[in-house]
Protein backbone atom coordinates (compact mmCIF):
# COMPACT_ATOMS: atom_id res chain seq x y z
CA UNK A 1 97.74 82.60 105.92
CA UNK A 2 97.23 85.79 103.92
CA UNK A 3 96.59 84.81 100.27
CA UNK A 4 94.28 86.50 97.76
CA UNK A 5 93.41 85.39 94.21
CA UNK A 6 91.31 87.74 92.06
CA UNK A 7 89.89 87.53 88.54
CA UNK A 8 88.40 90.72 87.18
CA UNK A 9 88.66 93.66 84.81
CA UNK A 10 90.83 96.73 85.20
CA UNK A 11 88.76 99.84 85.88
CA UNK A 12 91.44 102.18 84.49
CA UNK A 13 94.97 102.04 83.13
CA UNK A 14 97.59 101.27 85.80
CA UNK A 15 99.44 104.28 87.23
CA UNK A 16 103.13 103.96 88.04
CA UNK A 17 105.41 106.12 90.15
CA UNK A 18 108.97 105.52 91.23
CA UNK A 19 110.19 105.62 94.80
CA UNK A 20 112.95 108.05 95.66
CA UNK A 21 115.09 105.22 97.05
CA UNK A 22 118.36 104.23 95.47
CA UNK A 23 117.79 102.52 93.08
CA UNK A 24 114.23 103.74 92.38
CA UNK A 25 111.52 101.07 92.59
CA UNK A 26 108.36 101.12 90.44
CA UNK A 27 105.15 101.30 92.48
CA UNK A 28 102.14 100.64 90.24
CA UNK A 29 98.53 100.98 91.37
CA UNK A 30 95.44 99.70 89.63
CA UNK A 31 91.91 98.70 90.58
CA UNK A 32 90.19 95.46 89.58
CA UNK A 33 86.40 95.12 89.32
CA UNK A 34 85.54 91.64 90.58
CA UNK A 35 81.99 90.44 89.93
CA UNK A 36 80.09 89.14 92.94
CA UNK A 37 78.74 85.65 92.60
CA UNK A 38 75.50 86.46 94.36
CA UNK A 39 73.89 89.84 94.74
CA UNK A 40 70.90 91.21 96.56
CA UNK A 41 68.39 93.55 95.00
CA UNK A 42 69.75 97.10 94.93
CA UNK A 43 73.35 96.10 95.77
CA UNK A 44 76.37 96.59 93.57
CA UNK A 45 77.24 93.55 91.48
CA UNK A 46 81.02 94.06 91.68
CA UNK A 47 83.69 94.91 94.23
CA UNK A 48 86.45 97.35 93.32
CA UNK A 49 89.73 96.09 94.74
CA UNK A 50 92.83 98.32 94.84
CA UNK A 51 96.08 96.54 93.91
CA UNK A 52 99.75 97.52 94.15
CA UNK A 53 102.62 95.91 92.21
CA UNK A 54 106.28 96.68 92.90
CA UNK A 55 109.44 96.57 90.80
CA UNK A 56 109.41 94.63 87.52
CA UNK A 57 105.84 93.44 88.17
CA UNK A 58 104.77 97.08 88.44
CA UNK A 59 106.56 98.04 85.23
CA UNK A 60 104.98 95.05 83.46
CA UNK A 61 101.46 96.06 84.58
CA UNK A 62 101.96 99.67 83.54
CA UNK A 63 103.20 98.67 80.12
CA UNK A 64 100.82 95.83 79.20
CA UNK A 65 97.64 96.13 81.29
CA UNK A 66 94.92 98.41 79.93
CA UNK A 67 91.52 99.57 81.13
CA UNK A 68 88.85 96.88 80.64
CA UNK A 69 91.34 94.01 80.35
CA UNK A 70 90.53 90.77 82.21
CA UNK A 71 93.41 89.86 84.54
CA UNK A 72 94.11 87.27 87.21
CA UNK A 73 96.26 88.33 90.16
CA UNK A 74 97.41 86.77 93.40
CA UNK A 75 98.98 88.37 96.41
CA UNK A 76 98.28 89.35 99.99
CA UNK A 77 96.12 91.92 101.75
CA UNK A 78 97.98 94.74 103.46
CA UNK A 79 96.43 97.40 105.68
CA UNK A 80 98.43 100.62 106.03
CA UNK A 81 97.92 103.71 108.16
CA UNK A 82 99.50 107.17 108.16
CA UNK A 83 98.80 110.75 109.17
CA UNK A 84 97.79 113.13 106.41
CA UNK A 85 98.88 116.78 106.18
CA UNK A 86 95.96 117.83 108.39
CA UNK A 87 97.07 115.40 111.10
CA UNK A 88 94.17 112.98 110.56
CA UNK A 89 94.85 109.25 110.63
CA UNK A 90 94.22 107.63 107.23
CA UNK A 91 93.91 103.94 106.35
CA UNK A 92 94.18 101.98 103.15
CA UNK A 93 93.64 98.32 102.33
CA UNK A 94 95.40 97.04 99.21
CA UNK A 95 96.26 93.74 97.58
CA UNK A 96 100.05 93.55 97.24
CA UNK A 97 100.63 91.65 94.00
CA UNK A 98 102.89 88.59 93.91
CA UNK A 99 101.74 87.25 90.52
CA UNK A 100 99.68 88.73 87.69
CA UNK A 101 98.56 87.25 84.39
CA UNK A 102 96.41 88.01 81.38
CA UNK A 103 93.05 86.24 81.62
CA UNK A 104 91.97 86.74 78.00
CA UNK A 105 93.69 86.75 74.65
CA UNK A 106 94.80 89.98 73.02
CA UNK A 107 92.38 89.37 70.12
CA UNK A 108 89.49 88.74 72.52
CA UNK A 109 90.27 91.94 74.42
CA UNK A 110 90.54 93.99 71.21
CA UNK A 111 87.18 92.76 69.86
CA UNK A 112 85.41 93.18 73.22
CA UNK A 113 86.96 96.60 73.78
CA UNK A 114 85.05 98.07 70.83
CA UNK A 115 81.67 96.59 71.77
CA UNK A 116 81.54 96.50 75.56
CA UNK A 117 82.29 99.27 78.05
CA UNK A 118 84.87 98.66 80.76
CA UNK A 119 83.63 98.51 84.35
CA UNK A 120 83.19 101.90 85.97
CA UNK A 121 84.01 102.69 89.54
CA UNK A 122 80.93 103.81 91.49
CA UNK A 123 80.29 107.53 91.97
CA UNK A 124 82.31 108.84 94.88
CA UNK A 125 84.77 105.90 94.83
CA UNK A 126 88.24 107.06 95.86
CA UNK A 127 91.22 104.74 95.52
CA UNK A 128 93.60 104.63 98.47
CA UNK A 129 95.53 107.84 98.90
CA UNK A 130 99.16 107.53 97.90
CA UNK A 131 101.93 108.48 100.29
CA UNK A 132 104.19 111.23 98.99
CA UNK A 133 107.71 110.62 97.72
CA UNK A 134 107.17 109.19 94.24
CA UNK A 135 108.12 110.47 90.80
CA UNK A 136 106.67 109.94 87.31
CA UNK A 137 107.59 106.97 85.13
CA UNK A 138 110.20 107.18 82.41
CA UNK A 139 110.23 105.04 79.27
CA UNK A 140 113.32 103.13 80.41
CA UNK A 141 111.81 99.63 80.41
CA UNK A 142 113.87 97.19 78.36
CA UNK A 143 111.98 94.50 76.39
CA UNK A 144 114.77 92.04 77.24
CA UNK A 145 113.60 92.11 80.88
CA UNK A 146 110.13 90.77 80.00
CA UNK A 147 109.28 87.14 80.80
CA UNK A 148 108.04 86.34 77.29
């Protein structure tokens, strides 16, 4: 069984691109900082987990998720490999999102946002490289498509 459930804060605003397939599909990437329960002296106290949401879920994340927001997601781990332009084999490990939810109220996020910095990715952290073939988002999301 390949099932992942994460609760953490977004390290930056989600970034969406659209596939060049017909019809185009939203591919949204974001990273969640998940606090470690136990830590050793000198170790990081959070893990930075790259996530990918497709289609309507990706459009939802891009529109409503913001840096520093506490979210709860579930999905599966996927390991991908490809050759880069220099012919070197590259790997990425991502959580492919099945479900995503807010984990704090809008008011709580707004009041915390002013007083508490959002988690920062460690120096030198690079999110998974994105394969080519995507285009920028347009503002064509219809509010009638939202689940609430």
